[in-house]
Amino acid sequence: MGLARDSFFTPEVVMAHLFKRNRIYYLKYYLGGKQKEVNLRTDTLEIAKEKKRLFESG
């Protein structure tokens, strides 16, 4: 999907939250007690949900 596997997929993350900012979807998650955000680079909910599923499955 155009994102590097090492920077996008994180095995320590169990759940992530989808949110939208200026028409673009993002993932928000916590890693090591710190809040992180990932730009999913899409404005389509279905694509964002699929990327979230891939992210959470590792």
N, C-alpha and C. Protein backbone atom coordinates (compact mmCIF):
# COMPACT_ATOMS: atom_id res chain seq x y z
N MET A 1 0.81 -1.21 0.00
CA MET A 1 0.00 0.00 0.00
C MET A 1 0.85 1.26 0.00
N GLY A 2 2.12 1.11 -0.35
CA GLY A 2 2.96 2.28 -0.46
C GLY A 2 3.66 2.72 0.80
N LEU A 3 3.51 1.99 1.90
CA LEU A 3 4.17 2.36 3.14
C LEU A 3 5.20 1.31 3.49
N ALA A 4 6.34 1.75 3.99
CA ALA A 4 7.40 0.81 4.37
C ALA A 4 6.94 -0.04 5.55
N ARG A 5 7.14 -1.32 5.46
CA ARG A 5 6.68 -2.23 6.50
C ARG A 5 7.34 -1.93 7.85
N ASP A 6 8.63 -1.62 7.86
CA ASP A 6 9.32 -1.37 9.12
C ASP A 6 8.78 -0.15 9.85
N SER A 7 8.40 0.89 9.12
CA SER A 7 7.94 2.11 9.77
C SER A 7 6.44 2.09 10.06
N PHE A 8 5.69 1.26 9.36
CA PHE A 8 4.23 1.29 9.50
C PHE A 8 3.72 0.22 10.44
N PHE A 9 4.20 -1.00 10.32
CA PHE A 9 3.69 -2.11 11.11
C PHE A 9 4.50 -2.24 12.39
N THR A 10 3.79 -2.26 13.51
CA THR A 10 4.44 -2.31 14.80
C THR A 10 3.84 -3.45 15.60
N PRO A 11 4.60 -4.52 15.87
CA PRO A 11 4.05 -5.68 16.55
C PRO A 11 3.62 -5.43 17.99
N GLU A 12 4.16 -4.41 18.66
CA GLU A 12 3.81 -4.16 20.06
C GLU A 12 2.45 -3.48 20.22
N VAL A 13 1.90 -2.95 19.16
CA VAL A 13 0.63 -2.24 19.22
C VAL A 13 -0.51 -3.23 19.10
N VAL A 14 -1.43 -3.17 20.07
CA VAL A 14 -2.57 -4.08 20.07
C VAL A 14 -3.77 -3.44 19.37
N MET A 15 -4.06 -2.19 19.69
CA MET A 15 -5.22 -1.51 19.12
C MET A 15 -4.83 -0.10 18.70
N ALA A 16 -5.47 0.35 17.67
CA ALA A 16 -5.27 1.72 17.19
C ALA A 16 -6.64 2.36 16.96
N HIS A 17 -6.64 3.67 16.94
CA HIS A 17 -7.87 4.43 16.78
C HIS A 17 -7.79 5.22 15.47
N LEU A 18 -8.82 5.12 14.64
CA LEU A 18 -8.89 5.89 13.40
C LEU A 18 -9.50 7.26 13.67
N PHE A 19 -8.91 8.28 13.08
CA PHE A 19 -9.55 9.60 13.13
C PHE A 19 -9.22 10.36 11.86
N LYS A 20 -9.98 11.39 11.61
CA LYS A 20 -9.87 12.16 10.37
C LYS A 20 -9.47 13.59 10.69
N ARG A 21 -8.48 14.09 9.95
CA ARG A 21 -8.04 15.47 10.10
C ARG A 21 -7.90 16.06 8.69
N ASN A 22 -8.66 17.10 8.42
CA ASN A 22 -8.62 17.76 7.10
C ASN A 22 -8.77 16.77 5.95
N ARG A 23 -9.78 15.92 6.03
CA ARG A 23 -10.15 14.94 5.00
C ARG A 23 -9.22 13.74 4.91
N ILE A 24 -8.14 13.68 5.70
CA ILE A 24 -7.19 12.57 5.65
C ILE A 24 -7.32 11.75 6.93
N TYR A 25 -7.28 10.42 6.78
CA TYR A 25 -7.38 9.52 7.93
C TYR A 25 -6.02 9.26 8.55
N TYR A 26 -6.03 9.16 9.87
CA TYR A 26 -4.84 8.90 10.67
C TYR A 26 -5.13 7.76 11.64
N LEU A 27 -4.06 7.11 12.10
CA LEU A 27 -4.14 6.14 13.19
C LEU A 27 -3.49 6.77 14.41
N LYS A 28 -4.10 6.57 15.57
CA LYS A 28 -3.51 7.00 16.83
C LYS A 28 -3.34 5.76 17.69
N TYR A 29 -2.16 5.60 18.28
CA TYR A 29 -1.89 4.45 19.13
C TYR A 29 -0.85 4.83 20.17
N TYR A 30 -0.66 3.98 21.15
CA TYR A 30 0.32 4.19 22.20
C TYR A 30 1.40 3.14 22.09
N LEU A 31 2.65 3.57 22.22
CA LEU A 31 3.78 2.68 22.18
C LEU A 31 4.79 3.15 23.21
N GLY A 32 5.09 2.30 24.17
CA GLY A 32 6.02 2.68 25.23
C GLY A 32 5.51 3.83 26.06
N GLY A 33 4.18 3.91 26.22
CA GLY A 33 3.58 4.98 27.01
C GLY A 33 3.47 6.31 26.29
N LYS A 34 3.91 6.37 25.03
CA LYS A 34 3.85 7.60 24.26
C LYS A 34 2.81 7.47 23.15
N GLN A 35 2.09 8.55 22.94
CA GLN A 35 1.07 8.58 21.89
C GLN A 35 1.74 8.82 20.54
N LYS A 36 1.35 8.02 19.56
CA LYS A 36 1.89 8.13 18.20
C LYS A 36 0.74 8.30 17.22
N GLU A 37 1.03 8.95 16.10
CA GLU A 37 0.06 9.09 15.03
C GLU A 37 0.71 8.70 13.72
N VAL A 38 -0.06 8.05 12.85
CA VAL A 38 0.41 7.65 11.53
C VAL A 38 -0.57 8.19 10.49
N ASN A 39 -0.06 8.92 9.52
CA ASN A 39 -0.86 9.41 8.42
C ASN A 39 -1.11 8.25 7.47
N LEU A 40 -2.37 7.89 7.24
CA LEU A 40 -2.70 6.78 6.36
C LEU A 40 -2.74 7.18 4.89
N ARG A 41 -2.63 8.46 4.60
CA ARG A 41 -2.55 8.99 3.23
C ARG A 41 -3.74 8.57 2.38
N THR A 42 -4.92 8.59 2.99
CA THR A 42 -6.14 8.31 2.23
C THR A 42 -7.29 9.14 2.80
N ASP A 43 -8.25 9.44 1.95
CA ASP A 43 -9.46 10.13 2.41
C ASP A 43 -10.67 9.20 2.30
N THR A 44 -10.42 7.92 2.08
CA THR A 44 -11.48 6.92 1.93
C THR A 44 -11.55 6.05 3.17
N LEU A 45 -12.73 5.99 3.78
CA LEU A 45 -12.90 5.24 5.03
C LEU A 45 -12.57 3.76 4.86
N GLU A 46 -13.01 3.14 3.79
CA GLU A 46 -12.78 1.71 3.60
C GLU A 46 -11.29 1.39 3.51
N ILE A 47 -10.54 2.22 2.80
CA ILE A 47 -9.10 2.01 2.69
C ILE A 47 -8.45 2.22 4.05
N ALA A 48 -8.89 3.24 4.79
CA ALA A 48 -8.36 3.50 6.12
C ALA A 48 -8.62 2.33 7.06
N LYS A 49 -9.80 1.74 6.99
CA LYS A 49 -10.13 0.58 7.83
C LYS A 49 -9.24 -0.62 7.49
N GLU A 50 -8.97 -0.82 6.21
CA GLU A 50 -8.11 -1.93 5.79
C GLU A 50 -6.68 -1.71 6.28
N LYS A 51 -6.17 -0.49 6.18
CA LYS A 51 -4.83 -0.19 6.67
C LYS A 51 -4.76 -0.34 8.19
N LYS A 52 -5.83 0.02 8.88
CA LYS A 52 -5.88 -0.16 10.33
C LYS A 52 -5.85 -1.64 10.68
N ARG A 53 -6.60 -2.44 9.95
CA ARG A 53 -6.62 -3.89 10.19
C ARG A 53 -5.22 -4.49 9.98
N LEU A 54 -4.55 -4.09 8.91
CA LEU A 54 -3.19 -4.56 8.65
C LEU A 54 -2.22 -4.12 9.75
N PHE A 55 -2.38 -2.88 10.18
CA PHE A 55 -1.52 -2.35 11.25
C PHE A 55 -1.67 -3.15 12.53
N GLU A 56 -2.92 -3.43 12.91
CA GLU A 56 -3.18 -4.15 14.17
C GLU A 56 -2.79 -5.63 14.09
N SER A 57 -2.81 -6.20 12.90
CA SER A 57 -2.48 -7.62 12.79
C SER A 57 -0.97 -7.83 12.74
N GLY A 58 -0.22 -6.76 12.48
CA GLY A 58 1.24 -6.86 12.51
C GLY A 58 1.77 -7.33 11.24
